[in-house]
Amino acid sequence: MTKTKPLMSEETRKRAEQVMRVFAQVTENKQKLQATIANEMKAYNENLKEAEKELLEIGATHRGLFDSDGNLDLGDGYLHIANNTVILMKPKFDAKEFAKEFPHMIDMSKAMKTAEIKKACLTESTRKELKKYGVETDTEESMQVLVRKV
């Protein structure tokens, strides 16, 4: 027994070809539009980086103008100086040993629980204990450009 291909009416075939032409054209136009948008976004991002760099340079040279909260108001936005606590892993740090001693500070499926470690470092005794295992904290200062209107 031989199988015969189902027949498509001429009208259905013409309609399918017409829809396929439209589909192909729309797909091509979409790709062109995405490429144009990507180029424009690249230019915007480069301009933003340049402006941010210049604002940070201005802020760095005029630190005395920042208020007590670490802000320098510039109309549509402001520069902000943030102090962030960072966790430092010293060369003698051993993750297995640390996890055994401080299991509540590590989620082995993810990573170290930084909030727990930062909190522990607030007290002198715990800070000394963590230091024995090669974990210390420090403060990093960073300046941010924040916009009010978006």
Protein backbone atom coordinates (compact mmCIF):
# COMPACT_ATOMS: atom_id res chain seq x y z
CA MET A 1 0.00 0.00 0.00
CA THR A 2 1.42 3.38 -0.95
CA LYS A 3 0.66 6.46 1.04
CA THR A 4 -0.56 9.47 -0.83
CA LYS A 5 0.22 12.97 0.32
CA PRO A 6 -2.77 14.96 1.41
CA LEU A 7 -3.66 17.56 -1.15
CA MET A 8 -3.66 21.30 -0.45
CA SER A 9 -6.03 23.42 -2.41
CA GLU A 10 -4.46 26.06 -4.61
CA GLU A 11 -6.24 28.76 -2.62
CA THR A 12 -4.86 27.44 0.70
CA ARG A 13 -1.36 27.16 -0.75
CA LYS A 14 -1.43 30.77 -2.05
CA ARG A 15 -2.67 31.99 1.34
CA ALA A 16 0.05 30.05 3.17
CA GLU A 17 2.74 31.51 0.89
CA GLN A 18 1.34 35.02 1.40
CA VAL A 19 1.34 34.62 5.20
CA MET A 20 4.88 33.19 5.06
CA ARG A 21 6.07 36.25 3.05
CA VAL A 22 4.56 38.57 5.66
CA PHE A 23 6.08 36.51 8.47
CA ALA A 24 9.54 36.60 6.87
CA GLN A 25 9.29 40.35 6.22
CA VAL A 26 8.17 41.11 9.77
CA THR A 27 10.97 38.92 11.15
CA GLU A 28 13.54 40.76 9.02
CA ASN A 29 12.15 44.18 10.02
CA LYS A 30 12.22 43.15 13.69
CA GLN A 31 15.90 42.15 13.42
CA LYS A 32 16.77 45.45 11.72
CA LEU A 33 14.90 47.41 14.40
CA GLN A 34 16.62 45.48 17.20
CA ALA A 35 20.03 46.22 15.64
CA THR A 36 19.19 49.93 15.36
CA ILE A 37 17.97 50.05 18.96
CA ALA A 38 21.08 48.20 20.15
CA ASN A 39 23.32 50.78 18.44
CA GLU A 40 21.36 53.66 19.95
CA MET A 41 21.43 52.07 23.41
CA LYS A 42 25.19 51.62 23.11
CA ALA A 43 25.56 55.34 22.39
CA TYR A 44 23.28 56.24 25.33
CA ASN A 45 25.24 53.97 27.66
CA GLU A 46 28.55 55.48 26.57
CA ASN A 47 27.18 58.98 27.21
CA LEU A 48 25.91 57.90 30.63
CA LYS A 49 29.29 56.43 31.57
CA GLU A 50 31.09 59.60 30.52
CA ALA A 51 28.66 61.81 32.46
CA GLU A 52 28.91 59.58 35.55
CA LYS A 53 32.71 59.60 35.36
CA GLU A 54 32.75 63.40 35.17
CA LEU A 55 30.27 63.76 38.06
CA LEU A 56 32.34 61.41 40.23
CA GLU A 57 35.49 63.40 39.43
CA ILE A 58 33.72 66.64 40.40
CA GLY A 59 32.48 65.01 43.63
CA ALA A 60 35.95 63.70 44.47
CA THR A 61 37.48 67.17 44.14
CA HIS A 62 34.69 68.90 46.12
CA ARG A 63 34.18 66.54 49.06
CA GLY A 64 33.88 69.45 51.46
CA LEU A 65 30.56 70.42 49.86
CA PHE A 66 28.78 67.16 50.81
CA ASP A 67 26.27 67.44 53.67
CA SER A 68 26.42 65.37 56.87
CA ASP A 69 24.43 62.55 55.21
CA GLY A 70 27.05 62.26 52.48
CA ASN A 71 24.99 63.99 49.77
CA LEU A 72 25.80 66.74 47.29
CA ASP A 73 22.55 68.08 45.82
CA LEU A 74 22.75 68.83 42.10
CA GLY A 75 19.16 69.68 41.14
CA ASP A 76 17.81 66.69 39.19
CA GLY A 77 19.87 64.33 41.31
CA TYR A 78 22.71 64.13 43.77
CA LEU A 79 26.01 62.50 44.52
CA HIS A 80 26.05 60.22 47.53
CA ILE A 81 28.99 58.84 49.48
CA ALA A 82 28.19 55.38 50.83
CA ASN A 83 30.23 53.44 53.35
CA ASN A 84 29.82 49.70 52.87
CA THR A 85 31.17 46.97 55.08
CA VAL A 86 33.01 44.34 53.09
CA ILE A 87 34.15 40.91 54.19
CA LEU A 88 37.80 40.08 53.61
CA MET A 89 39.00 36.49 53.34
CA LYS A 90 42.60 36.38 54.49
CA PRO A 91 45.06 33.82 53.06
CA LYS A 92 44.63 31.57 56.10
CA PHE A 93 40.84 31.35 55.53
CA ASP A 94 39.58 27.74 55.34
CA ALA A 95 35.95 27.44 54.22
CA LYS A 96 35.46 23.92 55.63
CA GLU A 97 36.82 24.85 59.04
CA PHE A 98 34.80 28.06 59.08
CA ALA A 99 31.61 26.20 58.09
CA LYS A 100 32.18 23.69 60.90
CA GLU A 101 32.67 26.43 63.50
CA PHE A 102 30.02 28.89 62.20
CA PRO A 103 27.41 26.86 60.29
CA HIS A 104 24.79 29.59 60.75
CA MET A 105 26.96 31.96 58.70
CA ILE A 106 27.23 29.75 55.62
CA ASP A 107 24.64 28.31 53.29
CA MET A 108 26.71 25.65 51.52
CA SER A 109 24.33 25.57 48.56
CA LYS A 110 24.89 29.26 47.91
CA ALA A 111 27.60 31.20 49.70
CA MET A 112 28.57 32.90 52.89
CA LYS A 113 25.81 34.79 54.63
CA THR A 114 27.40 38.21 54.58
CA ALA A 115 24.71 39.84 56.71
CA GLU A 116 25.33 37.32 59.50
CA ILE A 117 29.09 37.85 59.35
CA LYS A 118 28.78 41.64 59.33
CA LYS A 119 26.43 41.45 62.32
CA ALA A 120 28.84 39.16 64.18
CA CYS A 121 31.69 41.59 63.58
CA LEU A 122 29.86 44.30 65.50
CA THR A 123 30.99 42.80 68.81
CA GLU A 124 34.65 42.69 69.81
CA SER A 125 34.64 39.08 71.03
CA THR A 126 33.00 37.63 67.92
CA ARG A 127 35.19 39.76 65.67
CA LYS A 128 38.29 38.26 67.35
CA GLU A 129 36.87 34.75 66.96
CA LEU A 130 36.17 35.26 63.24
CA LYS A 131 39.63 36.77 62.77
CA LYS A 132 41.18 33.51 64.03
CA TYR A 133 39.53 31.79 61.07
CA GLY A 134 40.77 34.35 58.55
CA VAL A 135 37.60 36.44 58.24
CA GLU A 136 37.75 40.19 58.74
CA THR A 137 35.65 43.16 57.73
CA ASP A 138 36.61 46.54 56.42
CA THR A 139 34.78 49.62 55.23
CA GLU A 140 34.83 50.65 51.60
CA GLU A 141 33.72 54.08 50.55
CA SER A 142 32.00 54.53 47.22
CA MET A 143 30.41 57.50 45.53
CA GLN A 144 27.18 57.05 43.61
CA VAL A 145 25.33 59.20 41.13
CA LEU A 146 21.59 59.13 41.94
CA VAL A 147 18.88 60.69 39.76
CA ARG A 148 15.60 62.02 41.14
CA LYS A 149 13.70 62.30 37.84
CA VAL A 150 13.45 59.32 35.54
